[in-house]
Amino acid sequence: LHDEIIAVHFRIDNTSARSWALKARAKRFSANQLALQIDTELKQFHIQIKSMEYVKSHQNIADGPSRKFQVNS
């Protein structure tokens, strides 16, 4: 059995998604289904939300790759 817990620090630039993830539920049906699915998968893979910090999009290092663009150096 895999008993090790993986603690992850999340940085997210969407306050609604942050709230849904922390509560594992949302007001809208489709968002609630997604929040529950994410919660189930986190538990399945023994991943624990250690923290979930709100950051502005331009400060989020995942923002560029998630939108498929790159910042020129």
PDB file of N, CA and C in Angstrom:
ATOM      1  N   LEU A   1       0.833  -1.200   0.000  1.00  0.00           N
ATOM      2  CA  LEU A   1       0.000   0.000   0.000  1.00  0.00           C
ATOM      3  C   LEU A   1       0.866   1.248   0.000  1.00  0.00           C
ATOM      4  N   HIS A   2       0.337   2.273  -0.592  1.00  0.00           N
ATOM      5  CA  HIS A   2       1.029   3.556  -0.671  1.00  0.00           C
ATOM      6  C   HIS A   2       0.488   4.457   0.435  1.00  0.00           C
ATOM      7  N   ASP A   3       1.248   4.578   1.532  1.00  0.00           N
ATOM      8  CA  ASP A   3       0.778   5.350   2.682  1.00  0.00           C
ATOM      9  C   ASP A   3       1.367   6.753   2.754  1.00  0.00           C
ATOM     10  N   GLU A   4       2.304   7.055   1.875  1.00  0.00           N
ATOM     11  CA  GLU A   4       2.949   8.356   1.910  1.00  0.00           C
ATOM     12  C   GLU A   4       1.998   9.429   1.387  1.00  0.00           C
ATOM     13  N   ILE A   5       1.906  10.531   2.119  1.00  0.00           N
ATOM     14  CA  ILE A   5       1.078  11.667   1.718  1.00  0.00           C
ATOM     15  C   ILE A   5       1.977  12.689   1.032  1.00  0.00           C
ATOM     16  N   ILE A   6       1.549  13.166  -0.106  1.00  0.00           N
ATOM     17  CA  ILE A   6       2.283  14.193  -0.836  1.00  0.00           C
ATOM     18  C   ILE A   6       1.595  15.522  -0.559  1.00  0.00           C
ATOM     19  N   ALA A   7       2.294  16.435   0.093  1.00  0.00           N
ATOM     20  CA  ALA A   7       1.747  17.750   0.415  1.00  0.00           C
ATOM     21  C   ALA A   7       2.175  18.735  -0.670  1.00  0.00           C
ATOM     22  N   VAL A   8       1.209  19.426  -1.253  1.00  0.00           N
ATOM     23  CA  VAL A   8       1.482  20.322  -2.366  1.00  0.00           C
ATOM     24  C   VAL A   8       1.040  21.742  -2.005  1.00  0.00           C
ATOM     25  N   HIS A   9       1.892  22.700  -2.357  1.00  0.00           N
ATOM     26  CA  HIS A   9       1.554  24.119  -2.214  1.00  0.00           C
ATOM     27  C   HIS A   9       1.085  24.598  -3.584  1.00  0.00           C
ATOM     28  N   PHE A  10      -0.172  25.003  -3.673  1.00  0.00           N
ATOM     29  CA  PHE A  10      -0.732  25.454  -4.935  1.00  0.00           C
ATOM     30  C   PHE A  10      -0.697  26.971  -5.004  1.00  0.00           C
ATOM     31  N   ARG A  11      -0.491  27.487  -6.209  1.00  0.00           N
ATOM     32  CA  ARG A  11      -0.605  28.915  -6.486  1.00  0.00           C
ATOM     33  C   ARG A  11      -1.622  29.039  -7.598  1.00  0.00           C
ATOM     34  N   ILE A  12      -2.692  29.770  -7.351  1.00  0.00           N
ATOM     35  CA  ILE A  12      -3.798  29.824  -8.305  1.00  0.00           C
ATOM     36  C   ILE A  12      -4.236  31.264  -8.494  1.00  0.00           C
ATOM     37  N   ASP A  13      -4.583  31.605  -9.742  1.00  0.00           N
ATOM     38  CA  ASP A  13      -4.952  32.987 -10.047  1.00  0.00           C
ATOM     39  C   ASP A  13      -6.453  33.161 -10.279  1.00  0.00           C
ATOM     40  N   ASN A  14      -7.234  32.225  -9.762  1.00  0.00           N
ATOM     41  CA  ASN A  14      -8.685  32.306  -9.910  1.00  0.00           C
ATOM     42  C   ASN A  14      -9.307  32.097  -8.530  1.00  0.00           C
ATOM     43  N   THR A  15      -9.917  33.146  -8.000  1.00  0.00           N
ATOM     44  CA  THR A  15     -10.455  33.051  -6.640  1.00  0.00           C
ATOM     45  C   THR A  15     -11.615  32.066  -6.533  1.00  0.00           C
ATOM     46  N   SER A  16     -12.426  31.958  -7.572  1.00  0.00           N
ATOM     47  CA  SER A  16     -13.537  31.000  -7.529  1.00  0.00           C
ATOM     48  C   SER A  16     -13.013  29.576  -7.510  1.00  0.00           C
ATOM     49  N   ALA A  17     -12.074  29.271  -8.403  1.00  0.00           N
ATOM     50  CA  ALA A  17     -11.497  27.926  -8.445  1.00  0.00           C
ATOM     51  C   ALA A  17     -10.785  27.602  -7.138  1.00  0.00           C
ATOM     52  N   ARG A  18     -10.136  28.586  -6.535  1.00  0.00           N
ATOM     53  CA  ARG A  18      -9.464  28.381  -5.244  1.00  0.00           C
ATOM     54  C   ARG A  18     -10.483  27.986  -4.187  1.00  0.00           C
ATOM     55  N   SER A  19     -11.586  28.703  -4.142  1.00  0.00           N
ATOM     56  CA  SER A  19     -12.641  28.408  -3.175  1.00  0.00           C
ATOM     57  C   SER A  19     -13.219  27.020  -3.406  1.00  0.00           C
ATOM     58  N   TRP A  20     -13.484  26.677  -4.658  1.00  0.00           N
ATOM     59  CA  TRP A  20     -14.039  25.361  -4.982  1.00  0.00           C
ATOM     60  C   TRP A  20     -13.094  24.254  -4.545  1.00  0.00           C
ATOM     61  N   ALA A  21     -11.804  24.448  -4.794  1.00  0.00           N
ATOM     62  CA  ALA A  21     -10.819  23.421  -4.446  1.00  0.00           C
ATOM     63  C   ALA A  21     -10.712  23.243  -2.934  1.00  0.00           C
ATOM     64  N   LEU A  22     -10.715  24.335  -2.202  1.00  0.00           N
ATOM     65  CA  LEU A  22     -10.592  24.248  -0.744  1.00  0.00           C
ATOM     66  C   LEU A  22     -11.820  23.605  -0.105  1.00  0.00           C
ATOM     67  N   LYS A  23     -13.002  23.892  -0.645  1.00  0.00           N
ATOM     68  CA  LYS A  23     -14.245  23.352  -0.095  1.00  0.00           C
ATOM     69  C   LYS A  23     -14.639  22.014  -0.719  1.00  0.00           C
ATOM     70  N   ALA A  24     -14.013  21.680  -1.861  1.00  0.00           N
ATOM     71  CA  ALA A  24     -14.361  20.490  -2.651  1.00  0.00           C
ATOM     72  C   ALA A  24     -15.829  20.527  -3.072  1.00  0.00           C
ATOM     73  N   ARG A  25     -16.330  21.732  -3.328  1.00  0.00           N
ATOM     74  CA  ARG A  25     -17.690  21.895  -3.838  1.00  0.00           C
ATOM     75  C   ARG A  25     -17.839  23.303  -4.407  1.00  0.00           C
ATOM     76  N   ALA A  26     -18.846  23.467  -5.253  1.00  0.00           N
ATOM     77  CA  ALA A  26     -19.114  24.760  -5.876  1.00  0.00           C
ATOM     78  C   ALA A  26     -20.622  24.922  -6.044  1.00  0.00           C
ATOM     79  N   LYS A  27     -21.063  26.150  -6.297  1.00  0.00           N
ATOM     80  CA  LYS A  27     -22.499  26.420  -6.436  1.00  0.00           C
ATOM     81  C   LYS A  27     -23.058  25.891  -7.751  1.00  0.00           C
ATOM     82  N   ARG A  28     -22.336  26.073  -8.838  1.00  0.00           N
ATOM     83  CA  ARG A  28     -22.817  25.617 -10.140  1.00  0.00           C
ATOM     84  C   ARG A  28     -22.608  24.115 -10.278  1.00  0.00           C
ATOM     85  N   PHE A  29     -23.565  23.428 -10.877  1.00  0.00           N
ATOM     86  CA  PHE A  29     -23.516  21.974 -10.985  1.00  0.00           C
ATOM     87  C   PHE A  29     -22.249  21.497 -11.689  1.00  0.00           C
ATOM     88  N   SER A  30     -21.938  22.062 -12.855  1.00  0.00           N
ATOM     89  CA  SER A  30     -20.763  21.607 -13.607  1.00  0.00           C
ATOM     90  C   SER A  30     -19.473  21.884 -12.842  1.00  0.00           C
ATOM     91  N   ALA A  31     -19.388  23.032 -12.194  1.00  0.00           N
ATOM     92  CA  ALA A  31     -18.202  23.347 -11.395  1.00  0.00           C
ATOM     93  C   ALA A  31     -18.116  22.424 -10.184  1.00  0.00           C
ATOM     94  N   ASN A  32     -19.252  22.105  -9.608  1.00  0.00           N
ATOM     95  CA  ASN A  32     -19.273  21.211  -8.462  1.00  0.00           C
ATOM     96  C   ASN A  32     -18.799  19.808  -8.861  1.00  0.00           C
ATOM     97  N   GLN A  33     -19.236  19.329 -10.024  1.00  0.00           N
ATOM     98  CA  GLN A  33     -18.796  18.018 -10.501  1.00  0.00           C
ATOM     99  C   GLN A  33     -17.278  17.995 -10.684  1.00  0.00           C
ATOM    100  N   LEU A  34     -16.737  19.072 -11.236  1.00  0.00           N
ATOM    101  CA  LEU A  34     -15.288  19.155 -11.443  1.00  0.00           C
ATOM    102  C   LEU A  34     -14.555  19.223 -10.104  1.00  0.00           C
ATOM    103  N   ALA A  35     -15.060  20.015  -9.169  1.00  0.00           N
ATOM    104  CA  ALA A  35     -14.426  20.123  -7.852  1.00  0.00           C
ATOM    105  C   ALA A  35     -14.412  18.769  -7.147  1.00  0.00           C
ATOM    106  N   LEU A  36     -15.512  18.031  -7.236  1.00  0.00           N
ATOM    107  CA  LEU A  36     -15.573  16.707  -6.615  1.00  0.00           C
ATOM    108  C   LEU A  36     -14.623  15.724  -7.287  1.00  0.00           C
ATOM    109  N   GLN A  37     -14.509  15.807  -8.598  1.00  0.00           N
ATOM    110  CA  GLN A  37     -13.603  14.927  -9.333  1.00  0.00           C
ATOM    111  C   GLN A  37     -12.150  15.203  -8.937  1.00  0.00           C
ATOM    112  N   ILE A  38     -11.794  16.464  -8.852  1.00  0.00           N
ATOM    113  CA  ILE A  38     -10.432  16.825  -8.452  1.00  0.00           C
ATOM    114  C   ILE A  38     -10.155  16.340  -7.033  1.00  0.00           C
ATOM    115  N   ASP A  39     -11.106  16.535  -6.127  1.00  0.00           N
ATOM    116  CA  ASP A  39     -10.937  16.084  -4.747  1.00  0.00           C
ATOM    117  C   ASP A  39     -10.746  14.574  -4.685  1.00  0.00           C
ATOM    118  N   THR A  40     -11.533  13.840  -5.467  1.00  0.00           N
ATOM    119  CA  THR A  40     -11.418  12.376  -5.501  1.00  0.00           C
ATOM    120  C   THR A  40     -10.042  11.947  -6.009  1.00  0.00           C
ATOM    121  N   GLU A  41      -9.563  12.599  -7.067  1.00  0.00           N
ATOM    122  CA  GLU A  41      -8.261  12.235  -7.621  1.00  0.00           C
ATOM    123  C   GLU A  41      -7.122  12.584  -6.669  1.00  0.00           C
ATOM    124  N   LEU A  42      -7.231  13.714  -5.987  1.00  0.00           N
ATOM    125  CA  LEU A  42      -6.200  14.062  -5.004  1.00  0.00           C
ATOM    126  C   LEU A  42      -6.117  12.979  -3.925  1.00  0.00           C
ATOM    127  N   LYS A  43      -7.269  12.561  -3.439  1.00  0.00           N
ATOM    128  CA  LYS A  43      -7.293  11.523  -2.402  1.00  0.00           C
ATOM    129  C   LYS A  43      -6.759  10.194  -2.943  1.00  0.00           C
ATOM    130  N   GLN A  44      -7.135   9.861  -4.174  1.00  0.00           N
ATOM    131  CA  GLN A  44      -6.697   8.603  -4.777  1.00  0.00           C
ATOM    132  C   GLN A  44      -5.175   8.520  -4.870  1.00  0.00           C
ATOM    133  N   PHE A  45      -4.536   9.635  -5.169  1.00  0.00           N
ATOM    134  CA  PHE A  45      -3.088   9.655  -5.324  1.00  0.00           C
ATOM    135  C   PHE A  45      -2.370  10.162  -4.075  1.00  0.00           C
ATOM    136  N   HIS A  46      -3.087  10.242  -2.955  1.00  0.00           N
ATOM    137  CA  HIS A  46      -2.530  10.634  -1.658  1.00  0.00           C
ATOM    138  C   HIS A  46      -1.889  12.025  -1.704  1.00  0.00           C
ATOM    139  N   ILE A  47      -2.570  12.938  -2.392  1.00  0.00           N
ATOM    140  CA  ILE A  47      -2.084  14.317  -2.481  1.00  0.00           C
ATOM    141  C   ILE A  47      -2.941  15.178  -1.570  1.00  0.00           C
ATOM    142  N   GLN A  48      -2.275  15.948  -0.723  1.00  0.00           N
ATOM    143  CA  GLN A  48      -2.961  16.824   0.223  1.00  0.00           C
ATOM    144  C   GLN A  48      -2.664  18.272  -0.144  1.00  0.00           C
ATOM    145  N   ILE A  49      -3.687  19.108  -0.131  1.00  0.00           N
ATOM    146  CA  ILE A  49      -3.475  20.534  -0.355  1.00  0.00           C
ATOM    147  C   ILE A  49      -2.849  21.104   0.905  1.00  0.00           C
ATOM    148  N   LYS A  50      -1.575  21.420   0.834  1.00  0.00           N
ATOM    149  CA  LYS A  50      -0.867  21.994   1.986  1.00  0.00           C
ATOM    150  C   LYS A  50      -1.253  23.466   2.141  1.00  0.00           C
ATOM    151  N   SER A  51      -1.291  24.159   1.024  1.00  0.00           N
ATOM    152  CA  SER A  51      -1.745  25.551   1.009  1.00  0.00           C
ATOM    153  C   SER A  51      -2.212  25.881  -0.397  1.00  0.00           C
ATOM    154  N   MET A  52      -3.041  26.906  -0.503  1.00  0.00           N
ATOM    155  CA  MET A  52      -3.508  27.350  -1.806  1.00  0.00           C
ATOM    156  C   MET A  52      -3.505  28.867  -1.778  1.00  0.00           C
ATOM    157  N   GLU A  53      -2.461  29.416  -2.327  1.00  0.00           N
ATOM    158  CA  GLU A  53      -2.236  30.859  -2.302  1.00  0.00           C
ATOM    159  C   GLU A  53      -2.799  31.496  -3.572  1.00  0.00           C
ATOM    160  N   TYR A  54      -3.519  32.599  -3.405  1.00  0.00           N
ATOM    161  CA  TYR A  54      -3.979  33.372  -4.560  1.00  0.00           C
ATOM    162  C   TYR A  54      -2.829  34.241  -5.042  1.00  0.00           C
ATOM    163  N   VAL A  55      -2.578  34.206  -6.346  1.00  0.00           N
ATOM    164  CA  VAL A  55      -1.581  35.091  -6.961  1.00  0.00           C
ATOM    165  C   VAL A  55      -2.202  35.713  -8.206  1.00  0.00           C
ATOM    166  N   LYS A  56      -1.776  36.906  -8.533  1.00  0.00           N
ATOM    167  CA  LYS A  56      -2.257  37.559  -9.753  1.00  0.00           C
ATOM    168  C   LYS A  56      -1.704  36.807 -10.960  1.00  0.00           C
ATOM    169  N   SER A  57      -2.455  36.809 -12.057  1.00  0.00           N
ATOM    170  CA  SER A  57      -2.066  36.050 -13.249  1.00  0.00           C
ATOM    171  C   SER A  57      -0.643  36.339 -13.689  1.00  0.00           C
ATOM    172  N   HIS A  58      -0.259  37.604 -13.736  1.00  0.00           N
ATOM    173  CA  HIS A  58       1.081  37.935 -14.223  1.00  0.00           C
ATOM    174  C   HIS A  58       2.183  37.490 -13.258  1.00  0.00           C
ATOM    175  N   GLN A  59       1.833  37.107 -12.042  1.00  0.00           N
ATOM    176  CA  GLN A  59       2.809  36.603 -11.080  1.00  0.00           C
ATOM    177  C   GLN A  59       2.784  35.080 -10.976  1.00  0.00           C
ATOM    178  N   ASN A  60       1.881  34.446 -11.698  1.00  0.00           N
ATOM    179  CA  ASN A  60       1.730  33.002 -11.625  1.00  0.00           C
ATOM    180  C   ASN A  60       2.624  32.350 -12.679  1.00  0.00           C
ATOM    181  N   ILE A  61       3.616  31.582 -12.237  1.00  0.00           N
ATOM    182  CA  ILE A  61       4.570  30.987 -13.174  1.00  0.00           C
ATOM    183  C   ILE A  61       3.907  29.970 -14.103  1.00  0.00           C
ATOM    184  N   ALA A  62       2.739  29.460 -13.750  1.00  0.00           N
ATOM    185  CA  ALA A  62       2.039  28.489 -14.600  1.00  0.00           C
ATOM    186  C   ALA A  62       1.133  29.165 -15.614  1.00  0.00           C
ATOM    187  N   ASP A  63       0.926  30.470 -15.515  1.00  0.00           N
ATOM    188  CA  ASP A  63      -0.029  31.144 -16.385  1.00  0.00           C
ATOM    189  C   ASP A  63       0.370  31.059 -17.850  1.00  0.00           C
ATOM    190  N   GLY A  64       1.594  31.383 -18.176  1.00  0.00           N
ATOM    191  CA  GLY A  64       2.054  31.344 -19.566  1.00  0.00           C
ATOM    192  C   GLY A  64       1.932  29.970 -20.189  1.00  0.00           C
ATOM    193  N   PRO A  65       2.563  28.947 -19.594  1.00  0.00           N
ATOM    194  CA  PRO A  65       2.459  27.604 -20.181  1.00  0.00           C
ATOM    195  C   PRO A  65       1.022  27.092 -20.276  1.00  0.00           C
ATOM    196  N   SER A  66       0.166  27.464 -19.329  1.00  0.00           N
ATOM    197  CA  SER A  66      -1.208  26.980 -19.379  1.00  0.00           C
ATOM    198  C   SER A  66      -1.982  27.616 -20.527  1.00  0.00           C
ATOM    199  N   ARG A  67      -1.546  28.768 -20.968  1.00  0.00           N
ATOM    200  CA  ARG A  67      -2.207  29.452 -22.082  1.00  0.00           C
ATOM    201  C   ARG A  67      -1.430  29.268 -23.389  1.00  0.00           C
ATOM    202  N   LYS A  68      -0.368  28.464 -23.334  1.00  0.00           N
ATOM    203  CA  LYS A  68       0.451  28.103 -24.490  1.00  0.00           C
ATOM    204  C   LYS A  68       1.155  29.295 -25.126  1.00  0.00           C
ATOM    205  N   PHE A  69       1.654  30.201 -24.312  1.00  0.00           N
ATOM    206  CA  PHE A  69       2.516  31.254 -24.825  1.00  0.00           C
ATOM    207  C   PHE A  69       3.731  31.352 -23.926  1.00  0.00           C
ATOM    208  N   GLN A  70       4.782  31.931 -24.451  1.00  0.00           N
ATOM    209  CA  GLN A  70       6.023  32.038 -23.687  1.00  0.00           C
ATOM    210  C   GLN A  70       6.456  33.482 -23.637  1.00  0.00           C
ATOM    211  N   VAL A  71       7.070  33.844 -22.544  1.00  0.00           N
ATOM    212  CA  VAL A  71       7.624  35.179 -22.383  1.00  0.00           C
ATOM    213  C   VAL A  71       9.042  35.142 -22.946  1.00  0.00           C
ATOM    214  N   ASN A  72       9.359  36.088 -23.833  1.00  0.00           N
ATOM    215  CA  ASN A  72      10.718  36.153 -24.402  1.00  0.00           C
ATOM    216  C   ASN A  72      11.685  36.672 -23.357  1.00  0.00           C
ATOM    217  N   SER A  73      12.846  36.057 -23.294  1.00  0.00           N
ATOM    218  CA  SER A  73      13.877  36.487 -22.330  1.00  0.00           C
ATOM    219  C   SER A  73      14.620  37.692 -22.836  1.00  0.00           C
TER     220      SER A  73
END
